[in-house]
Amino acid sequence: MSSQPPQPPTPHLQPPVPHLLLIGGLTAVFVGYLSVWLPGPGVGLQFLGVELGEWVKFLGVGQNRDLFYLPPITLGLMLAVWTMGWPNGRWQTWAARGLAVLISLLAFPAIEDLLGPAREQYTGRVCLIGLVLAVALLSGQIGPWLAARRPWLPWLLLALLGLLGAIAPTWMYGQVAPYVSRVVGLPVGMGWGVWLNAGGNLLVTAVAVWQLWKNTDRGEHR
């Protein structure tokens, strides 16, 4: 009775390090947006990132408050752009694109505001959510073609979106926090949500710049 030689174990494929870092950065942005941004002196004055954009409208900030709605928009865009080079035949690809759109809906205004007399203040956010939807769909239609011919393009877009997502909301918080401190008469500081948002976006930017450098280096040695 012949015995067959032992078969080598099937290797367990691990995601490459850049992908793991990207997932970590994107997760930090999402968790940061749902964490405390404004750590006031009392529990009643502690606001999450998802709440801050609505609350500061009572401070007379104006349309600049839309910068507090950027994290779910830039996060959705980064997730959609990242899938440009993914094969369309995998369910994970379309699940990631659907998740990108769902995350962007965190910036969707209340229906009564959208239909109210001041609805022009909210149309910009709706258009940005539509942009996330458009990028998610285009990533499936022309994304693979673009990624094959311009492999650096997704990384460049990720780097720019990461910078925007890190700088703009943090800058806006820096404008609002001193005013709130004067109103309550106590320092409010900077919550973990601000740090997680900035750090997660900068991690995505760092990974994207690293990949850009690798693509450029390969192109020079061809």
N, C-alpha and C. Protein backbone atom coordinates (compact mmCIF):
# COMPACT_ATOMS: atom_id res chain seq x y z
N MET A 1 0.86 -1.19 0.00
CA MET A 1 0.00 0.00 0.00
C MET A 1 0.89 1.23 0.00
N SER A 2 0.81 1.98 -1.06
CA SER A 2 1.69 3.15 -1.21
C SER A 2 1.18 4.31 -0.37
N SER A 3 2.14 4.97 0.23
CA SER A 3 1.79 6.15 1.03
C SER A 3 2.19 7.40 0.26
N GLN A 4 1.30 8.36 0.23
CA GLN A 4 1.57 9.61 -0.47
C GLN A 4 2.43 10.52 0.40
N PRO A 5 3.30 11.28 -0.24
CA PRO A 5 4.15 12.19 0.54
C PRO A 5 3.30 13.26 1.23
N PRO A 6 3.71 13.69 2.38
CA PRO A 6 2.92 14.71 3.10
C PRO A 6 2.86 16.01 2.31
N GLN A 7 1.69 16.60 2.33
CA GLN A 7 1.50 17.86 1.63
C GLN A 7 1.95 19.02 2.51
N PRO A 8 2.62 20.00 1.88
CA PRO A 8 3.04 21.17 2.68
C PRO A 8 1.82 21.95 3.16
N PRO A 9 1.89 22.53 4.35
CA PRO A 9 0.75 23.28 4.87
C PRO A 9 0.45 24.49 4.00
N THR A 10 -0.82 24.78 3.87
CA THR A 10 -1.22 25.95 3.09
C THR A 10 -0.85 27.22 3.83
N PRO A 11 -0.10 28.10 3.19
CA PRO A 11 0.32 29.32 3.89
C PRO A 11 -0.89 30.21 4.18
N HIS A 12 -0.85 30.81 5.35
CA HIS A 12 -1.91 31.74 5.74
C HIS A 12 -1.53 33.13 5.25
N LEU A 13 -2.26 33.59 4.29
CA LEU A 13 -1.93 34.88 3.67
C LEU A 13 -2.33 36.01 4.59
N GLN A 14 -1.38 36.88 4.90
CA GLN A 14 -1.63 38.05 5.73
C GLN A 14 -1.69 39.29 4.84
N PRO A 15 -2.56 40.25 5.17
CA PRO A 15 -2.57 41.49 4.40
C PRO A 15 -1.21 42.18 4.50
N PRO A 16 -0.77 42.84 3.44
CA PRO A 16 0.51 43.54 3.51
C PRO A 16 0.46 44.65 4.55
N VAL A 17 1.63 45.01 5.04
CA VAL A 17 1.72 46.01 6.10
C VAL A 17 1.06 47.33 5.73
N PRO A 18 1.24 47.86 4.50
CA PRO A 18 0.56 49.13 4.17
C PRO A 18 -0.95 49.04 4.32
N HIS A 19 -1.54 47.90 3.95
CA HIS A 19 -2.98 47.75 4.09
C HIS A 19 -3.41 47.74 5.55
N LEU A 20 -2.62 47.08 6.38
CA LEU A 20 -2.94 47.06 7.81
C LEU A 20 -2.85 48.45 8.41
N LEU A 21 -1.84 49.21 7.99
CA LEU A 21 -1.70 50.57 8.49
C LEU A 21 -2.84 51.46 8.01
N LEU A 22 -3.23 51.26 6.76
CA LEU A 22 -4.37 52.02 6.24
C LEU A 22 -5.64 51.72 7.02
N ILE A 23 -5.87 50.44 7.27
CA ILE A 23 -7.05 50.06 8.05
C ILE A 23 -7.00 50.69 9.43
N GLY A 24 -5.82 50.70 10.04
CA GLY A 24 -5.68 51.32 11.34
C GLY A 24 -5.97 52.80 11.31
N GLY A 25 -5.45 53.49 10.28
CA GLY A 25 -5.70 54.93 10.17
C GLY A 25 -7.16 55.25 9.92
N LEU A 26 -7.80 54.51 9.02
CA LEU A 26 -9.21 54.75 8.72
C LEU A 26 -10.08 54.45 9.94
N THR A 27 -9.73 53.40 10.68
CA THR A 27 -10.49 53.06 11.88
C THR A 27 -10.35 54.15 12.94
N ALA A 28 -9.14 54.71 13.07
CA ALA A 28 -8.92 55.78 14.04
C ALA A 28 -9.77 57.01 13.71
N VAL A 29 -9.88 57.33 12.42
CA VAL A 29 -10.72 58.47 12.02
C VAL A 29 -12.18 58.22 12.39
N PHE A 30 -12.66 57.01 12.12
CA PHE A 30 -14.06 56.68 12.41
C PHE A 30 -14.33 56.73 13.92
N VAL A 31 -13.46 56.07 14.70
CA VAL A 31 -13.63 56.07 16.15
C VAL A 31 -13.50 57.48 16.71
N GLY A 32 -12.56 58.25 16.15
CA GLY A 32 -12.38 59.62 16.62
C GLY A 32 -13.60 60.49 16.40
N TYR A 33 -14.29 60.30 15.29
CA TYR A 33 -15.47 61.11 15.02
C TYR A 33 -16.60 60.80 15.99
N LEU A 34 -16.62 59.59 16.51
CA LEU A 34 -17.65 59.19 17.47
C LEU A 34 -17.17 59.35 18.92
N SER A 35 -16.01 59.98 19.11
CA SER A 35 -15.46 60.23 20.44
C SER A 35 -15.62 61.70 20.81
N VAL A 36 -15.25 62.02 22.05
CA VAL A 36 -15.38 63.39 22.55
C VAL A 36 -14.36 64.30 21.89
N TRP A 37 -14.85 65.39 21.32
CA TRP A 37 -13.98 66.43 20.78
C TRP A 37 -13.87 67.61 21.74
N LEU A 38 -14.99 67.97 22.32
CA LEU A 38 -15.03 69.13 23.21
C LEU A 38 -15.21 68.63 24.64
N PRO A 39 -14.10 68.44 25.38
CA PRO A 39 -14.20 67.92 26.74
C PRO A 39 -14.45 69.05 27.74
N GLY A 40 -15.69 69.51 27.82
CA GLY A 40 -16.02 70.63 28.69
C GLY A 40 -15.88 70.28 30.16
N PRO A 41 -16.01 71.28 31.02
CA PRO A 41 -15.86 71.06 32.46
C PRO A 41 -16.97 70.23 33.07
N GLY A 42 -18.10 70.11 32.40
CA GLY A 42 -19.21 69.30 32.88
C GLY A 42 -19.64 68.30 31.83
N VAL A 43 -20.32 67.25 32.26
CA VAL A 43 -20.77 66.22 31.33
C VAL A 43 -21.69 66.81 30.27
N GLY A 44 -22.51 67.77 30.65
CA GLY A 44 -23.45 68.37 29.71
C GLY A 44 -22.79 69.21 28.64
N LEU A 45 -21.50 69.50 28.81
CA LEU A 45 -20.79 70.31 27.83
C LEU A 45 -19.70 69.50 27.13
N GLN A 46 -19.89 68.21 27.05
CA GLN A 46 -18.97 67.36 26.32
C GLN A 46 -19.65 66.89 25.03
N PHE A 47 -19.02 67.21 23.91
CA PHE A 47 -19.64 66.93 22.62
C PHE A 47 -18.74 66.01 21.79
N LEU A 48 -19.39 65.04 21.18
CA LEU A 48 -18.70 64.16 20.25
C LEU A 48 -18.46 64.90 18.94
N GLY A 49 -17.56 64.35 18.13
CA GLY A 49 -17.33 64.97 16.83
C GLY A 49 -18.58 64.99 15.97
N VAL A 50 -19.39 63.94 16.06
CA VAL A 50 -20.61 63.86 15.26
C VAL A 50 -21.65 64.87 15.72
N GLU A 51 -21.51 65.41 16.95
CA GLU A 51 -22.46 66.38 17.48
C GLU A 51 -21.98 67.82 17.33
N LEU A 52 -20.69 68.01 17.18
CA LEU A 52 -20.11 69.34 17.29
C LEU A 52 -20.56 70.27 16.19
N GLY A 53 -20.69 69.77 14.98
CA GLY A 53 -21.10 70.63 13.87
C GLY A 53 -22.47 71.23 14.08
N GLU A 54 -23.37 70.47 14.69
CA GLU A 54 -24.71 70.99 14.95
C GLU A 54 -24.71 71.97 16.10
N TRP A 55 -23.92 71.70 17.12
CA TRP A 55 -23.93 72.55 18.30
C TRP A 55 -23.33 73.93 18.04
N VAL A 56 -22.25 73.99 17.26
CA VAL A 56 -21.56 75.28 17.10
C VAL A 56 -22.34 76.26 16.24
N LYS A 57 -23.43 75.82 15.60
CA LYS A 57 -24.21 76.79 14.83
C LYS A 57 -24.83 77.84 15.74
N PHE A 58 -25.00 77.52 17.03
CA PHE A 58 -25.53 78.48 17.98
C PHE A 58 -24.48 79.50 18.42
N LEU A 59 -23.24 79.29 18.01
CA LEU A 59 -22.17 80.23 18.34
C LEU A 59 -21.95 81.25 17.23
N GLY A 60 -22.74 81.18 16.18
CA GLY A 60 -22.58 82.11 15.08
C GLY A 60 -21.37 81.84 14.21
N VAL A 61 -20.97 80.58 14.12
CA VAL A 61 -19.79 80.22 13.33
C VAL A 61 -20.05 80.35 11.84
N GLY A 62 -21.28 80.14 11.41
CA GLY A 62 -21.61 80.22 9.98
C GLY A 62 -21.29 78.92 9.27
N GLN A 63 -21.10 79.03 7.94
CA GLN A 63 -20.88 77.84 7.13
C GLN A 63 -19.56 77.14 7.42
N ASN A 64 -18.65 77.83 8.12
CA ASN A 64 -17.39 77.17 8.47
C ASN A 64 -17.62 75.95 9.35
N ARG A 65 -18.78 75.87 9.98
CA ARG A 65 -19.06 74.71 10.82
C ARG A 65 -19.13 73.42 10.01
N ASP A 66 -19.30 73.54 8.69
CA ASP A 66 -19.31 72.34 7.84
C ASP A 66 -17.99 71.60 7.89
N LEU A 67 -16.93 72.29 8.32
CA LEU A 67 -15.63 71.61 8.44
C LEU A 67 -15.68 70.50 9.49
N PHE A 68 -16.60 70.61 10.44
CA PHE A 68 -16.74 69.55 11.43
C PHE A 68 -17.43 68.32 10.84
N TYR A 69 -17.99 68.45 9.66
CA TYR A 69 -18.61 67.31 8.99
C TYR A 69 -17.68 66.67 7.97
N LEU A 70 -16.46 67.18 7.88
CA LEU A 70 -15.52 66.62 6.91
C LEU A 70 -15.05 65.20 7.22
N PRO A 71 -14.83 64.83 8.50
CA PRO A 71 -14.29 63.48 8.75
C PRO A 71 -15.07 62.35 8.09
N PRO A 72 -16.41 62.27 8.19
CA PRO A 72 -17.08 61.16 7.49
C PRO A 72 -17.02 61.30 5.97
N ILE A 73 -16.92 62.54 5.46
CA ILE A 73 -16.82 62.73 4.01
C ILE A 73 -15.45 62.27 3.51
N THR A 74 -14.39 62.78 4.13
CA THR A 74 -13.04 62.39 3.68
C THR A 74 -12.79 60.91 3.94
N LEU A 75 -13.35 60.39 5.03
CA LEU A 75 -13.19 58.96 5.31
C LEU A 75 -13.87 58.13 4.23
N GLY A 76 -15.09 58.51 3.86
CA GLY A 76 -15.79 57.80 2.79
C GLY A 76 -15.04 57.89 1.47
N LEU A 77 -14.50 59.08 1.17
CA LEU A 77 -13.75 59.25 -0.08
C LEU A 77 -12.48 58.42 -0.07
N MET A 78 -11.77 58.39 1.06
CA MET A 78 -10.54 57.60 1.13
C MET A 78 -10.83 56.12 0.94
N LEU A 79 -11.89 55.65 1.57
CA LEU A 79 -12.24 54.23 1.44
C LEU A 79 -12.62 53.90 0.00
N ALA A 80 -13.37 54.81 -0.66
CA ALA A 80 -13.76 54.57 -2.05
C ALA A 80 -12.56 54.62 -2.99
N VAL A 81 -11.67 55.58 -2.77
CA VAL A 81 -10.48 55.71 -3.61
C VAL A 81 -9.55 54.50 -3.44
N TRP A 82 -9.45 54.01 -2.22
CA TRP A 82 -8.59 52.87 -1.96
C TRP A 82 -9.00 51.64 -2.78
N THR A 83 -10.29 51.53 -3.09
CA THR A 83 -10.78 50.36 -3.83
C THR A 83 -10.61 50.49 -5.34
N MET A 84 -9.97 51.56 -5.81
CA MET A 84 -9.84 51.75 -7.26
C MET A 84 -9.14 50.58 -7.93
N GLY A 85 -8.14 50.03 -7.27
CA GLY A 85 -7.39 48.94 -7.88
C GLY A 85 -7.87 47.56 -7.48
N TRP A 86 -8.95 47.49 -6.71
CA TRP A 86 -9.45 46.19 -6.27
C TRP A 86 -10.25 45.52 -7.38
N PRO A 87 -10.21 44.21 -7.48
CA PRO A 87 -11.00 43.51 -8.51
C PRO A 87 -12.49 43.64 -8.22
N ASN A 88 -13.26 43.94 -9.26
CA ASN A 88 -14.70 44.15 -9.09
C ASN A 88 -15.46 42.86 -8.82
N GLY A 89 -14.85 41.72 -9.08
CA GLY A 89 -15.57 40.47 -8.91
C GLY A 89 -15.67 39.99 -7.47
N ARG A 90 -15.02 40.68 -6.53
CA ARG A 90 -15.05 40.25 -5.13
C ARG A 90 -16.13 41.03 -4.38
N TRP A 91 -16.85 40.32 -3.51
CA TRP A 91 -17.89 40.99 -2.75
C TRP A 91 -17.29 41.99 -1.76
N GLN A 92 -16.06 41.73 -1.32
CA GLN A 92 -15.43 42.65 -0.38
C GLN A 92 -15.24 44.03 -0.99
N THR A 93 -14.98 44.06 -2.30
CA THR A 93 -14.77 45.34 -2.97
C THR A 93 -16.01 46.21 -2.89
N TRP A 94 -17.16 45.63 -3.24
CA TRP A 94 -18.40 46.40 -3.24
C TRP A 94 -18.90 46.64 -1.82
N ALA A 95 -18.57 45.76 -0.89
CA ALA A 95 -18.92 46.01 0.51
C ALA A 95 -18.16 47.22 1.04
N ALA A 96 -16.88 47.35 0.65
CA ALA A 96 -16.10 48.50 1.08
C ALA A 96 -16.65 49.79 0.48
N ARG A 97 -17.07 49.74 -0.78
CA ARG A 97 -17.64 50.93 -1.42
C ARG A 97 -18.98 51.31 -0.78
N GLY A 98 -19.79 50.29 -0.48
CA GLY A 98 -21.04 50.57 0.21
C GLY A 98 -20.81 51.15 1.59
N LEU A 99 -19.78 50.63 2.29
CA LEU A 99 -19.44 51.16 3.61
C LEU A 99 -19.01 52.61 3.51
N ALA A 100 -18.28 52.96 2.45
CA ALA A 100 -17.86 54.34 2.25
C ALA A 100 -19.06 55.28 2.18
N VAL A 101 -20.08 54.87 1.44
CA VAL A 101 -21.28 55.71 1.32
C VAL A 101 -22.01 55.78 2.65
N LEU A 102 -22.12 54.66 3.36
CA LEU A 102 -22.81 54.65 4.65
C LEU A 102 -22.12 55.55 5.65
N ILE A 103 -20.80 55.53 5.68
CA ILE A 103 -20.06 56.39 6.60
C ILE A 103 -20.31 57.86 6.28
N SER A 104 -20.35 58.21 5.00
CA SER A 104 -20.57 59.61 4.62
C SER A 104 -21.94 60.11 5.06
N LEU A 105 -22.89 59.20 5.26
CA LEU A 105 -24.24 59.60 5.69
C LEU A 105 -24.25 60.14 7.11
N LEU A 106 -23.16 59.98 7.86
CA LEU A 106 -23.07 60.60 9.18
C LEU A 106 -23.12 62.12 9.06
N ALA A 107 -22.80 62.65 7.90
CA ALA A 107 -22.85 64.10 7.68
C ALA A 107 -24.20 64.56 7.13
N PHE A 108 -25.14 63.63 6.94
CA PHE A 108 -26.43 64.00 6.35
C PHE A 108 -27.23 64.84 7.34
N PRO A 109 -27.78 65.96 6.89
CA PRO A 109 -28.54 66.83 7.80
C PRO A 109 -29.90 66.22 8.14
N ALA A 110 -30.51 66.75 9.19
CA ALA A 110 -31.85 66.32 9.56
C ALA A 110 -32.83 66.71 8.46
N ILE A 111 -33.84 65.87 8.25
CA ILE A 111 -34.80 66.11 7.17
C ILE A 111 -35.51 67.45 7.36
N GLU A 112 -35.86 67.79 8.61
CA GLU A 112 -36.55 69.07 8.85
C GLU A 112 -35.67 70.26 8.50
N ASP A 113 -34.35 70.12 8.69
CA ASP A 113 -33.44 71.19 8.29
C ASP A 113 -33.32 71.25 6.77
N LEU A 114 -33.26 70.08 6.15
CA LEU A 114 -33.10 70.03 4.70
C LEU A 114 -34.31 70.57 3.96
N LEU A 115 -35.49 70.44 4.57
CA LEU A 115 -36.72 70.93 3.94
C LEU A 115 -37.17 72.27 4.48
N GLY A 116 -36.45 72.81 5.45
CA GLY A 116 -36.84 74.06 6.09
C GLY A 116 -36.43 75.29 5.30
N PRO A 117 -36.70 76.47 5.87
CA PRO A 117 -36.40 77.72 5.15
C PRO A 117 -34.91 77.98 4.97
N ALA A 118 -34.07 77.37 5.79
CA ALA A 118 -32.62 77.59 5.68
C ALA A 118 -31.93 76.40 5.02
N ARG A 119 -32.63 75.74 4.10
CA ARG A 119 -32.08 74.51 3.52
C ARG A 119 -30.82 74.76 2.69
N GLU A 120 -30.61 76.01 2.23
CA GLU A 120 -29.41 76.27 1.43
C GLU A 120 -28.14 76.08 2.27
N GLN A 121 -28.27 76.14 3.60
CA GLN A 121 -27.10 75.92 4.46
C GLN A 121 -26.67 74.46 4.47
N TYR A 122 -27.53 73.57 4.03
CA TYR A 122 -27.27 72.14 4.15
C TYR A 122 -27.03 71.46 2.80
N THR A 123 -27.26 72.18 1.71
CA THR A 123 -27.11 71.55 0.41
C THR A 123 -25.65 71.17 0.11
N GLY A 124 -24.71 71.94 0.66
CA GLY A 124 -23.30 71.62 0.44
C GLY A 124 -22.94 70.25 0.98
N ARG A 125 -23.44 69.93 2.17
CA ARG A 125 -23.15 68.63 2.76
C ARG A 125 -23.79 67.51 1.95
N VAL A 126 -25.00 67.75 1.44
CA VAL A 126 -25.65 66.73 0.61
C VAL A 126 -24.85 66.50 -0.66
N CYS A 127 -24.33 67.57 -1.24
CA CYS A 127 -23.52 67.44 -2.46
C CYS A 127 -22.24 66.65 -2.18
N LEU A 128 -21.65 66.86 -1.01
CA LEU A 128 -20.43 66.11 -0.67
C LEU A 128 -20.73 64.63 -0.49
N ILE A 129 -21.88 64.32 0.10
CA ILE A 129 -22.27 62.91 0.21
C ILE A 129 -22.49 62.32 -1.19
N GLY A 130 -23.10 63.12 -2.08
CA GLY A 130 -23.25 62.67 -3.46
C GLY A 130 -21.91 62.44 -4.12
N LEU A 131 -20.91 63.25 -3.76
CA LEU A 131 -19.56 63.06 -4.32
C LEU A 131 -18.98 61.72 -3.88
N VAL A 132 -19.20 61.36 -2.62
CA VAL A 132 -18.72 60.06 -2.14
C VAL A 132 -19.39 58.93 -2.92
N LEU A 133 -20.69 59.05 -3.14
CA LEU A 133 -21.40 58.03 -3.91
C LEU A 133 -20.86 57.94 -5.33
N ALA A 134 -20.60 59.11 -5.96
CA ALA A 134 -20.09 59.13 -7.33
C ALA A 134 -18.70 58.49 -7.40
N VAL A 135 -17.83 58.81 -6.43
CA VAL A 135 -16.48 58.24 -6.43
C VAL A 135 -16.53 56.73 -6.20
N ALA A 136 -17.44 56.28 -5.33
CA ALA A 136 -17.58 54.84 -5.10
C ALA A 136 -18.00 54.12 -6.38
N LEU A 137 -18.93 54.71 -7.11
CA LEU A 137 -19.38 54.08 -8.36
C LEU A 137 -18.30 54.15 -9.44
N LEU A 138 -17.63 55.30 -9.55
CA LEU A 138 -16.58 55.44 -10.57
C LEU A 138 -15.38 54.55 -10.26
N SER A 139 -15.15 54.28 -8.97
CA SER A 139 -14.05 53.37 -8.61
C SER A 139 -14.29 51.99 -9.19
N GLY A 140 -15.57 51.64 -9.33
CA GLY A 140 -15.87 50.34 -9.93
C GLY A 140 -15.88 50.36 -11.44
N GLN A 141 -16.23 51.52 -12.03
CA GLN A 141 -16.34 51.61 -13.48
C GLN A 141 -14.99 51.86 -14.15
N ILE A 142 -14.29 52.91 -13.71
CA ILE A 142 -13.03 53.27 -14.36
C ILE A 142 -11.84 53.17 -13.40
N GLY A 143 -12.11 52.84 -12.13
CA GLY A 143 -11.03 52.75 -11.15
C GLY A 143 -9.95 51.75 -11.53
N PRO A 144 -10.31 50.50 -11.87
CA PRO A 144 -9.26 49.53 -12.24
C PRO A 144 -8.45 49.98 -13.46
N TRP A 145 -9.12 50.61 -14.42
CA TRP A 145 -8.41 51.08 -15.62
C TRP A 145 -7.41 52.18 -15.26
N LEU A 146 -7.85 53.12 -14.41
CA LEU A 146 -6.95 54.20 -13.98
C LEU A 146 -5.80 53.67 -13.13
N ALA A 147 -6.13 52.75 -12.21
CA ALA A 147 -5.10 52.23 -11.32
C ALA A 147 -4.05 51.42 -12.09
N ALA A 148 -4.47 50.75 -13.17
CA ALA A 148 -3.52 49.97 -13.96
C ALA A 148 -2.58 50.88 -14.75
N ARG A 149 -3.09 52.01 -15.23
CA ARG A 149 -2.27 52.91 -16.05
C ARG A 149 -1.58 53.99 -15.24
N ARG A 150 -2.15 54.37 -14.12
CA ARG A 150 -1.58 55.38 -13.23
C ARG A 150 -1.59 54.83 -11.81
N PRO A 151 -0.72 53.87 -11.50
CA PRO A 151 -0.78 53.23 -10.18
C PRO A 151 -0.52 54.19 -9.03
N TRP A 152 0.06 55.35 -9.31
CA TRP A 152 0.32 56.33 -8.25
C TRP A 152 -0.91 57.18 -7.93
N LEU A 153 -1.91 57.19 -8.82
CA LEU A 153 -3.05 58.09 -8.65
C LEU A 153 -3.84 57.84 -7.37
N PRO A 154 -4.23 56.59 -7.06
CA PRO A 154 -4.96 56.38 -5.80
C PRO A 154 -4.18 56.84 -4.58
N TRP A 155 -2.86 56.62 -4.59
CA TRP A 155 -2.05 57.02 -3.43
C TRP A 155 -1.95 58.53 -3.32
N LEU A 156 -1.87 59.21 -4.46
CA LEU A 156 -1.84 60.67 -4.42
C LEU A 156 -3.16 61.22 -3.86
N LEU A 157 -4.28 60.66 -4.31
CA LEU A 157 -5.58 61.11 -3.81
C LEU A 157 -5.72 60.81 -2.32
N LEU A 158 -5.25 59.65 -1.89
CA LEU A 158 -5.32 59.32 -0.46
C LEU A 158 -4.49 60.28 0.37
N ALA A 159 -3.29 60.64 -0.13
CA ALA A 159 -2.44 61.57 0.62
C ALA A 159 -3.11 62.93 0.76
N LEU A 160 -3.70 63.42 -0.32
CA LEU A 160 -4.36 64.74 -0.28
C LEU A 160 -5.59 64.72 0.62
N LEU A 161 -6.38 63.65 0.53
CA LEU A 161 -7.57 63.55 1.38
C LEU A 161 -7.19 63.41 2.84
N GLY A 162 -6.12 62.67 3.11
CA GLY A 162 -5.66 62.53 4.49
C GLY A 162 -5.22 63.87 5.08
N LEU A 163 -4.52 64.67 4.29
CA LEU A 163 -4.11 65.99 4.76
C LEU A 163 -5.32 66.89 5.01
N LEU A 164 -6.26 66.86 4.09
CA LEU A 164 -7.47 67.67 4.27
C LEU A 164 -8.23 67.25 5.51
N GLY A 165 -8.40 65.94 5.70
CA GLY A 165 -9.15 65.45 6.85
C GLY A 165 -8.45 65.71 8.17
N ALA A 166 -7.13 65.82 8.16
CA ALA A 166 -6.38 66.09 9.39
C ALA A 166 -6.37 67.57 9.72
N ILE A 167 -6.16 68.42 8.70
CA ILE A 167 -5.91 69.84 8.96
C ILE A 167 -7.20 70.64 9.16
N ALA A 168 -8.17 70.48 8.25
CA ALA A 168 -9.34 71.36 8.27
C ALA A 168 -10.17 71.24 9.55
N PRO A 169 -10.60 70.05 9.99
CA PRO A 169 -11.37 69.98 11.23
C PRO A 169 -10.57 70.41 12.46
N THR A 170 -9.28 70.08 12.48
CA THR A 170 -8.44 70.47 13.63
C THR A 170 -8.31 71.98 13.69
N TRP A 171 -8.12 72.62 12.54
CA TRP A 171 -8.04 74.08 12.50
C TRP A 171 -9.35 74.70 12.98
N MET A 172 -10.47 74.14 12.53
CA MET A 172 -11.77 74.67 12.94
C MET A 172 -11.97 74.51 14.43
N TYR A 173 -11.55 73.40 14.98
CA TYR A 173 -11.67 73.22 16.43
C TYR A 173 -10.82 74.25 17.17
N GLY A 174 -9.65 74.54 16.62
CA GLY A 174 -8.80 75.55 17.23
C GLY A 174 -9.43 76.93 17.23
N GLN A 175 -10.33 77.21 16.29
CA GLN A 175 -11.05 78.49 16.26
C GLN A 175 -12.20 78.51 17.26
N VAL A 176 -12.84 77.39 17.47
CA VAL A 176 -14.04 77.33 18.31
C VAL A 176 -13.70 77.17 19.79
N ALA A 177 -12.70 76.36 20.11
CA ALA A 177 -12.40 76.05 21.51
C ALA A 177 -12.11 77.29 22.36
N PRO A 178 -11.30 78.26 21.91
CA PRO A 178 -11.07 79.45 22.75
C PRO A 178 -12.34 80.24 23.03
N TYR A 179 -13.23 80.31 22.03
CA TYR A 179 -14.49 81.03 22.23
C TYR A 179 -15.34 80.34 23.29
N VAL A 180 -15.41 79.01 23.23
CA VAL A 180 -16.17 78.27 24.24
C VAL A 180 -15.55 78.45 25.62
N SER A 181 -14.23 78.48 25.69
CA SER A 181 -13.56 78.69 26.98
C SER A 181 -13.94 80.04 27.57
N ARG A 182 -14.02 81.07 26.74
CA ARG A 182 -14.41 82.39 27.25
C ARG A 182 -15.85 82.41 27.73
N VAL A 183 -16.71 81.68 27.01
CA VAL A 183 -18.13 81.66 27.38
C VAL A 183 -18.35 80.98 28.72
N VAL A 184 -17.72 79.82 28.93
CA VAL A 184 -17.94 79.07 30.17
C VAL A 184 -16.99 79.50 31.28
N GLY A 185 -15.97 80.28 30.92
CA GLY A 185 -15.03 80.75 31.93
C GLY A 185 -14.04 79.71 32.40
N LEU A 186 -13.93 78.60 31.66
CA LEU A 186 -13.01 77.53 32.01
C LEU A 186 -12.39 76.97 30.73
N PRO A 187 -11.15 76.48 30.80
CA PRO A 187 -10.55 75.87 29.59
C PRO A 187 -11.27 74.57 29.23
N VAL A 188 -11.44 74.33 27.95
CA VAL A 188 -12.13 73.12 27.50
C VAL A 188 -11.17 72.07 26.96
N GLY A 189 -9.97 72.46 26.60
CA GLY A 189 -8.99 71.47 26.14
C GLY A 189 -9.34 70.89 24.78
N MET A 190 -8.72 69.75 24.50
CA MET A 190 -8.91 69.07 23.22
C MET A 190 -9.15 67.59 23.48
N GLY A 191 -10.30 67.09 23.05
CA GLY A 191 -10.67 65.71 23.33
C GLY A 191 -9.91 64.71 22.50
N TRP A 192 -10.04 63.43 22.90
CA TRP A 192 -9.36 62.35 22.19
C TRP A 192 -9.83 62.25 20.75
N GLY A 193 -11.07 62.64 20.49
CA GLY A 193 -11.57 62.54 19.12
C GLY A 193 -10.76 63.36 18.14
N VAL A 194 -10.34 64.56 18.57
CA VAL A 194 -9.53 65.42 17.69
C VAL A 194 -8.20 64.75 17.38
N TRP A 195 -7.58 64.18 18.42
CA TRP A 195 -6.28 63.53 18.22
C TRP A 195 -6.40 62.28 17.35
N LEU A 196 -7.45 61.49 17.58
CA LEU A 196 -7.63 60.29 16.77
C LEU A 196 -7.90 60.64 15.32
N ASN A 197 -8.71 61.67 15.09
CA ASN A 197 -8.99 62.08 13.72
C ASN A 197 -7.73 62.54 13.01
N ALA A 198 -6.98 63.43 13.67
CA ALA A 198 -5.76 63.95 13.05
C ALA A 198 -4.73 62.84 12.87
N GLY A 199 -4.53 62.02 13.90
CA GLY A 199 -3.54 60.96 13.81
C GLY A 199 -3.89 59.92 12.77
N GLY A 200 -5.17 59.53 12.70
CA GLY A 200 -5.58 58.55 11.70
C GLY A 200 -5.40 59.05 10.29
N ASN A 201 -5.78 60.30 10.05
CA ASN A 201 -5.62 60.88 8.72
C ASN A 201 -4.15 61.02 8.34
N LEU A 202 -3.32 61.42 9.31
CA LEU A 202 -1.89 61.57 9.01
C LEU A 202 -1.23 60.21 8.77
N LEU A 203 -1.73 59.17 9.45
CA LEU A 203 -1.21 57.82 9.18
C LEU A 203 -1.54 57.40 7.75
N VAL A 204 -2.77 57.66 7.32
CA VAL A 204 -3.15 57.36 5.93
C VAL A 204 -2.26 58.14 4.97
N THR A 205 -2.02 59.42 5.27
CA THR A 205 -1.16 60.24 4.41
C THR A 205 0.26 59.67 4.34
N ALA A 206 0.79 59.26 5.49
CA ALA A 206 2.15 58.72 5.53
C ALA A 206 2.25 57.45 4.69
N VAL A 207 1.28 56.56 4.83
CA VAL A 207 1.29 55.32 4.04
C VAL A 207 1.18 55.64 2.55
N ALA A 208 0.32 56.60 2.20
CA ALA A 208 0.14 56.96 0.79
C ALA A 208 1.42 57.57 0.21
N VAL A 209 2.08 58.43 0.98
CA VAL A 209 3.34 59.02 0.51
C VAL A 209 4.41 57.94 0.35
N TRP A 210 4.43 57.00 1.26
CA TRP A 210 5.37 55.87 1.17
C TRP A 210 5.12 55.08 -0.12
N GLN A 211 3.86 54.79 -0.41
CA GLN A 211 3.54 54.06 -1.63
C GLN A 211 3.83 54.89 -2.88
N LEU A 212 3.61 56.18 -2.80
CA LEU A 212 3.97 57.06 -3.93
C LEU A 212 5.46 57.00 -4.20
N TRP A 213 6.25 57.04 -3.14
CA TRP A 213 7.70 56.99 -3.30
C TRP A 213 8.12 55.66 -3.91
N LYS A 214 7.50 54.55 -3.48
CA LYS A 214 7.84 53.24 -4.02
C LYS A 214 7.50 53.17 -5.50
N ASN A 215 6.31 53.71 -5.89
CA ASN A 215 5.93 53.69 -7.29
C ASN A 215 6.86 54.54 -8.14
N THR A 216 7.26 55.70 -7.59
CA THR A 216 8.18 56.57 -8.32
C THR A 216 9.54 55.92 -8.46
N ASP A 217 10.00 55.27 -7.39
CA ASP A 217 11.30 54.61 -7.41
C ASP A 217 11.33 53.48 -8.42
N ARG A 218 10.23 52.71 -8.50
CA ARG A 218 10.17 51.64 -9.49
C ARG A 218 10.17 52.18 -10.91
N GLY A 219 9.44 53.30 -11.09
CA GLY A 219 9.37 53.88 -12.42
C GLY A 219 10.74 54.37 -12.90
N GLU A 220 11.56 54.87 -11.98
CA GLU A 220 12.87 55.37 -12.37
C GLU A 220 13.82 54.25 -12.72
N HIS A 221 13.59 53.03 -12.20
CA HIS A 221 14.51 51.92 -12.44
C HIS A 221 14.06 51.01 -13.57
N ARG A 222 13.00 51.40 -14.27
CA ARG A 222 12.57 50.58 -15.39
C ARG A 222 13.48 50.83 -16.59
